Protein backbone atom coordinates (compact mmCIF):
# COMPACT_ATOMS: atom_id res chain seq x y z
CA MET A 1 -23.63 36.58 -9.23
CA LYS A 2 -20.63 34.36 -8.94
CA GLN A 3 -20.64 32.64 -12.36
CA LYS A 4 -22.00 33.73 -15.81
CA ALA A 5 -20.94 34.26 -19.75
CA TRP A 6 -21.28 32.85 -23.35
CA PHE A 7 -21.89 34.42 -26.75
CA THR A 8 -19.04 36.57 -27.96
CA SER A 9 -21.41 38.46 -30.24
CA LEU A 10 -25.13 39.08 -30.39
CA THR A 11 -25.09 39.25 -34.15
CA THR A 12 -23.07 36.10 -34.62
CA LEU A 13 -24.63 33.53 -32.33
CA ALA A 14 -22.33 30.61 -32.91
CA LEU A 15 -23.41 28.68 -29.85
CA VAL A 16 -20.63 26.14 -30.08
CA VAL A 17 -21.21 22.78 -28.46
CA VAL A 18 -19.30 19.54 -28.59
CA CYS A 19 -22.48 17.54 -28.92
CA VAL A 20 -26.18 17.43 -28.22
CA LEU A 21 -28.02 15.42 -25.62
CA GLY A 22 -28.75 12.57 -27.98
CA CYS A 23 -25.12 12.00 -28.94
CA SER A 24 -23.14 12.60 -25.78
CA LYS A 25 -24.73 14.65 -23.06
CA THR A 26 -21.50 14.46 -21.10
CA GLY A 27 -20.16 16.07 -18.01
CA SER A 28 -21.45 16.95 -14.59
CA VAL A 29 -23.96 19.71 -14.11
CA ALA A 30 -24.23 23.10 -12.61
CA THR A 31 -27.43 24.09 -10.95
CA SER A 32 -29.14 25.12 -7.75
CA THR A 33 -31.32 23.81 -5.00
CA PRO A 34 -34.31 25.90 -3.94
CA SER A 35 -37.37 24.88 -2.00
CA ASN A 36 -40.19 23.08 -3.80
CA THR A 37 -42.81 25.64 -2.91
CA ASN A 38 -43.08 27.24 -6.34
CA SER A 39 -46.01 25.92 -8.32
CA ALA A 40 -46.50 26.31 -12.02
CA THR A 41 -49.44 25.96 -14.34
CA THR A 42 -48.65 25.29 -17.94
CA PRO A 43 -49.87 27.79 -20.54
CA THR A 44 -50.55 26.44 -24.01
CA THR A 45 -47.75 28.53 -25.46
CA PRO A 46 -44.91 29.82 -23.25
CA ALA A 47 -44.67 33.60 -23.22
CA ASP A 48 -41.87 35.24 -25.17
CA ILE A 49 -39.53 36.45 -22.43
CA SER A 50 -37.02 38.24 -24.66
CA GLY A 51 -36.14 41.79 -23.65
CA ASP A 52 -33.97 43.88 -21.36
CA TYR A 53 -34.24 43.50 -17.59
CA THR A 54 -32.89 44.95 -14.38
CA VAL A 55 -31.86 42.31 -11.86
CA ALA A 56 -31.60 42.25 -8.09
CA GLY A 57 -30.39 39.18 -6.30
CA ALA A 58 -28.55 37.61 -3.42
CA ASN A 59 -25.43 35.47 -3.62
CA GLU A 60 -25.20 32.10 -1.89
CA ASP A 61 -23.68 33.81 1.16
CA GLY A 62 -26.57 36.28 1.30
CA SER A 63 -24.68 39.31 -0.04
CA PRO A 64 -26.79 41.39 -2.46
CA TYR A 65 -26.03 42.30 -6.06
CA LYS A 66 -27.67 44.30 -8.84
CA GLY A 67 -27.20 44.38 -12.57
CA GLU A 68 -28.75 44.09 -15.99
CA LEU A 69 -29.87 41.14 -18.08
CA ALA A 70 -30.51 40.83 -21.81
CA VAL A 71 -32.65 37.90 -22.94
CA ILE A 72 -32.36 37.29 -26.67
CA LYS A 73 -34.45 34.74 -28.56
CA HIS A 74 -32.55 32.45 -30.95
CA GLY A 75 -34.85 29.91 -32.56
CA ASP A 76 -36.10 27.53 -29.86
CA VAL A 77 -33.78 28.81 -27.16
CA TYR A 78 -32.83 32.03 -25.42
CA GLN A 79 -29.48 33.65 -24.81
CA PHE A 80 -29.15 35.07 -21.29
CA ARG A 81 -26.45 37.72 -20.97
CA TRP A 82 -25.92 39.35 -17.58
CA ASN A 83 -23.85 42.30 -16.47
CA ALA A 84 -23.85 42.10 -12.70
CA GLY A 85 -20.41 43.29 -11.73
CA LYS A 86 -19.07 40.69 -14.17
CA GLN A 87 -20.48 39.44 -17.45
CA TYR A 88 -22.11 36.03 -17.67
CA ASP A 89 -23.86 34.23 -20.53
CA GLY A 90 -26.07 31.16 -20.80
CA ILE A 91 -28.68 29.15 -22.65
CA GLY A 92 -32.33 29.07 -21.56
CA ILE A 93 -35.23 26.73 -22.32
CA SER A 94 -38.90 27.47 -21.57
CA ASN A 95 -41.38 24.82 -20.43
CA GLY A 96 -44.73 26.25 -19.40
CA ASN A 97 -44.00 29.17 -17.10
CA VAL A 98 -40.65 27.80 -15.98
CA VAL A 99 -37.39 28.83 -17.66
CA ALA A 100 -34.26 26.79 -17.00
CA VAL A 101 -30.87 28.34 -17.78
CA SER A 102 -27.34 26.93 -17.80
CA PHE A 103 -24.63 29.62 -17.70
CA THR A 104 -20.92 30.08 -17.24
CA GLY A 105 -18.27 32.75 -16.90
CA GLY A 106 -16.06 33.71 -19.81
CA ALA A 107 -16.83 33.78 -23.51
CA ASN A 108 -16.98 30.03 -24.11
CA GLY A 109 -19.96 28.04 -22.83
CA GLN A 110 -19.07 24.90 -24.79
CA GLY A 111 -20.60 21.80 -23.23
CA CYS A 112 -23.16 23.52 -20.99
CA GLY A 113 -26.70 22.25 -21.38
CA VAL A 114 -30.06 22.41 -19.67
CA VAL A 115 -33.22 20.28 -19.41
CA THR A 116 -36.65 21.24 -18.10
CA TYR A 117 -39.17 18.48 -17.37
CA LYS A 118 -42.90 18.54 -16.59
CA VAL A 119 -43.72 15.82 -14.04
CA GLY A 120 -46.88 13.94 -14.96
CA ALA A 121 -49.47 12.54 -12.54
CA ASP A 122 -48.12 9.06 -13.30
CA GLY A 123 -44.56 10.12 -12.48
CA SER A 124 -43.48 10.43 -16.10
CA LEU A 125 -41.14 13.21 -17.25
CA ASP A 126 -41.90 15.28 -20.34
CA GLY A 127 -39.00 17.56 -21.16
CA ARG A 128 -37.25 19.98 -23.47
CA TRP A 129 -33.49 20.40 -23.55
CA GLY A 130 -30.87 22.54 -25.21
CA MET A 131 -27.11 22.80 -25.53
CA TRP A 132 -24.88 25.85 -25.73
CA GLY A 133 -24.11 26.19 -29.41
CA LYS A 134 -27.50 25.15 -30.83
CA ASP A 135 -30.44 27.36 -31.71
CA GLU A 136 -32.82 24.39 -31.69
CA SER A 137 -34.08 22.37 -28.75
CA GLY A 138 -34.61 18.64 -28.38
CA THR A 139 -37.23 16.71 -26.44
CA GLU A 140 -37.07 13.84 -23.97
CA LYS A 141 -39.69 11.73 -22.23
CA GLY A 142 -38.98 9.52 -19.25
CA THR A 143 -41.18 6.62 -18.11
CA ARG A 144 -40.53 5.60 -14.52
CA THR A 145 -39.76 1.92 -13.98
CA SER A 146 -38.99 2.06 -10.25
CA GLY A 147 -38.94 4.46 -7.33
CA SER A 148 -41.35 7.01 -5.92
CA ASP A 149 -41.87 10.73 -6.11
CA LEU A 150 -39.11 12.04 -8.43
CA ALA A 151 -36.34 9.65 -7.38
CA GLY A 152 -36.13 6.40 -9.32
CA ASP A 153 -35.23 4.78 -12.61
CA TYR A 154 -36.66 5.77 -16.00
CA ASN A 155 -36.64 4.61 -19.60
CA THR A 156 -36.06 7.60 -21.86
CA ASN A 157 -37.05 8.37 -25.44
CA GLY A 158 -35.80 11.54 -27.05
CA THR A 159 -35.48 13.53 -30.22
CA ASN A 160 -32.38 15.51 -31.13
CA PRO A 161 -32.63 18.97 -32.73
CA ASN A 162 -31.82 17.41 -36.13
CA GLY A 163 -34.80 15.06 -35.85
CA THR A 164 -32.91 11.86 -35.05
CA THR A 165 -34.17 9.84 -32.10
CA TYR A 166 -32.55 8.02 -29.20
CA LYS A 167 -33.42 5.74 -26.30
CA GLY A 168 -31.70 5.38 -22.98
CA ARG A 169 -31.94 5.15 -19.22
CA LEU A 170 -32.11 7.74 -16.47
CA THR A 171 -31.57 7.41 -12.72
CA VAL A 172 -32.68 10.22 -10.39
CA ALA A 173 -31.60 10.37 -6.73
CA GLN A 174 -31.83 12.96 -3.97
CA LEU A 175 -28.61 14.94 -3.50
CA ALA A 176 -27.99 17.88 -1.19
CA GLY A 177 -30.99 20.19 -1.67
CA GLY A 178 -31.87 18.82 -5.10
CA TYR A 179 -31.55 15.74 -7.29
CA SER A 180 -28.75 14.07 -9.21
CA PHE A 181 -29.52 12.92 -12.75
CA VAL A 182 -27.48 10.17 -14.41
CA TRP A 183 -28.25 9.33 -18.03
CA SER A 184 -26.93 6.34 -19.98
CA ASN A 185 -27.00 6.05 -23.76
CA PRO A 186 -26.21 8.91 -24.03
CA THR A 187 -23.98 9.26 -20.99
CA ALA A 188 -24.27 12.38 -18.84
CA THR A 189 -24.70 13.57 -15.27
CA GLY A 190 -26.65 16.55 -14.01
CA PHE A 191 -28.09 18.25 -10.97
CA GLY A 192 -31.66 19.52 -10.78
CA ILE A 193 -34.26 21.22 -8.66
CA ARG A 194 -38.00 20.78 -8.49
CA GLN A 195 -40.49 23.64 -8.53
CA GLY A 196 -44.04 22.36 -8.26
CA ASP A 197 -44.66 20.07 -11.23
CA PHE A 198 -41.48 21.15 -13.04
CA VAL A 199 -37.90 19.94 -12.73
CA SER A 200 -35.02 22.00 -14.08
CA VAL A 201 -31.68 20.27 -14.63
CA GLY A 202 -28.32 21.65 -15.69
CA PHE A 203 -25.42 19.61 -17.02
CA GLY A 204 -22.02 20.22 -18.57
CA GLY A 205 -19.38 20.28 -15.84
CA PRO A 206 -18.71 22.16 -12.62
CA ARG A 207 -17.97 25.43 -14.42
CA CYS A 208 -21.55 25.55 -15.75
CA ALA A 209 -23.91 27.10 -13.21
CA PHE A 210 -27.68 27.03 -13.29
CA VAL A 211 -30.77 29.20 -12.82
CA ALA A 212 -34.41 28.14 -12.56
CA TYR A 213 -36.88 30.97 -13.09
CA GLU A 214 -40.63 31.06 -12.65
CA VAL A 215 -42.26 33.55 -15.02
CA LYS A 216 -44.72 35.51 -12.90
CA PRO A 217 -48.01 36.90 -14.32
CA ASP A 218 -46.49 40.41 -14.35
CA GLY A 219 -43.52 39.16 -16.41
CA ILE A 220 -40.98 39.15 -13.57
CA LEU A 221 -38.48 36.29 -13.71
CA ASP A 222 -38.25 34.94 -10.17
CA GLY A 223 -35.27 32.64 -9.90
CA VAL A 224 -32.92 30.55 -7.80
CA TRP A 225 -29.39 29.67 -8.87
CA GLY A 226 -26.30 27.83 -7.76
CA GLY A 227 -23.69 25.21 -8.57
CA TYR A 228 -23.55 21.44 -8.90
CA GLY A 229 -24.59 19.61 -5.74
CA SER A 230 -24.92 22.82 -3.76
CA SER A 231 -27.01 22.89 -0.59
CA LYS A 232 -26.98 26.70 -0.70
CA THR A 233 -28.46 28.79 -3.47
CA GLY A 234 -28.68 32.37 -4.60
CA THR A 235 -31.84 34.17 -5.65
CA GLU A 236 -32.58 36.60 -8.45
CA LYS A 237 -35.50 38.66 -9.67
CA ALA A 238 -35.39 40.16 -13.14
CA THR A 239 -37.83 42.94 -14.01
CA LYS A 240 -38.34 43.93 -17.64
CA LYS A 241 -37.48 47.53 -18.42
């Protein structure tokens, strides 16, 4: 892979973040743009995906890579730590059988965050989000006020990991092979992809890349990944050892 890294220690998970979504979900996003052919049904309780994996993938230019991945559960979120020629680390959030991950190279993932939404039949968004540096996740619901399909304007209501609440606005527009997300109050920008009834969005600046995995019935993590606004993506399959 071309970008990935975060926790400096497994035993001391000091996921350090400037802020959480409800205070200042700032920065642009890093993510990828796959096709919308993946469907997902929502289990009552997402499976625990923690464990050690072997990975095989393709970069955005089609060149192959192999490596290893450790997925470590920390409260409501997961640490993703790859060794695929280089080391990469990130934060993952589960929503049904979709796992969204924001990752970066180097030891400091400060500012990287991820959101995963379930799209309702009425066009509403029901999501969970997390920031690098927090073991707890927050929630956000968006009610569409204009637009069609995923693109449009939304009123948002959310809850921060500390239990405080916030309200704001969200605008979603098509961009490259995915969607741009622009939040106000709090202010942030992101880039997301849709897989069936789920939308995975990464935010936090151009250095933060993004993976969207579908958890297959056999436990394989079947993912696509890339950077902000990219029309090309990489792919990755992670098989538990």
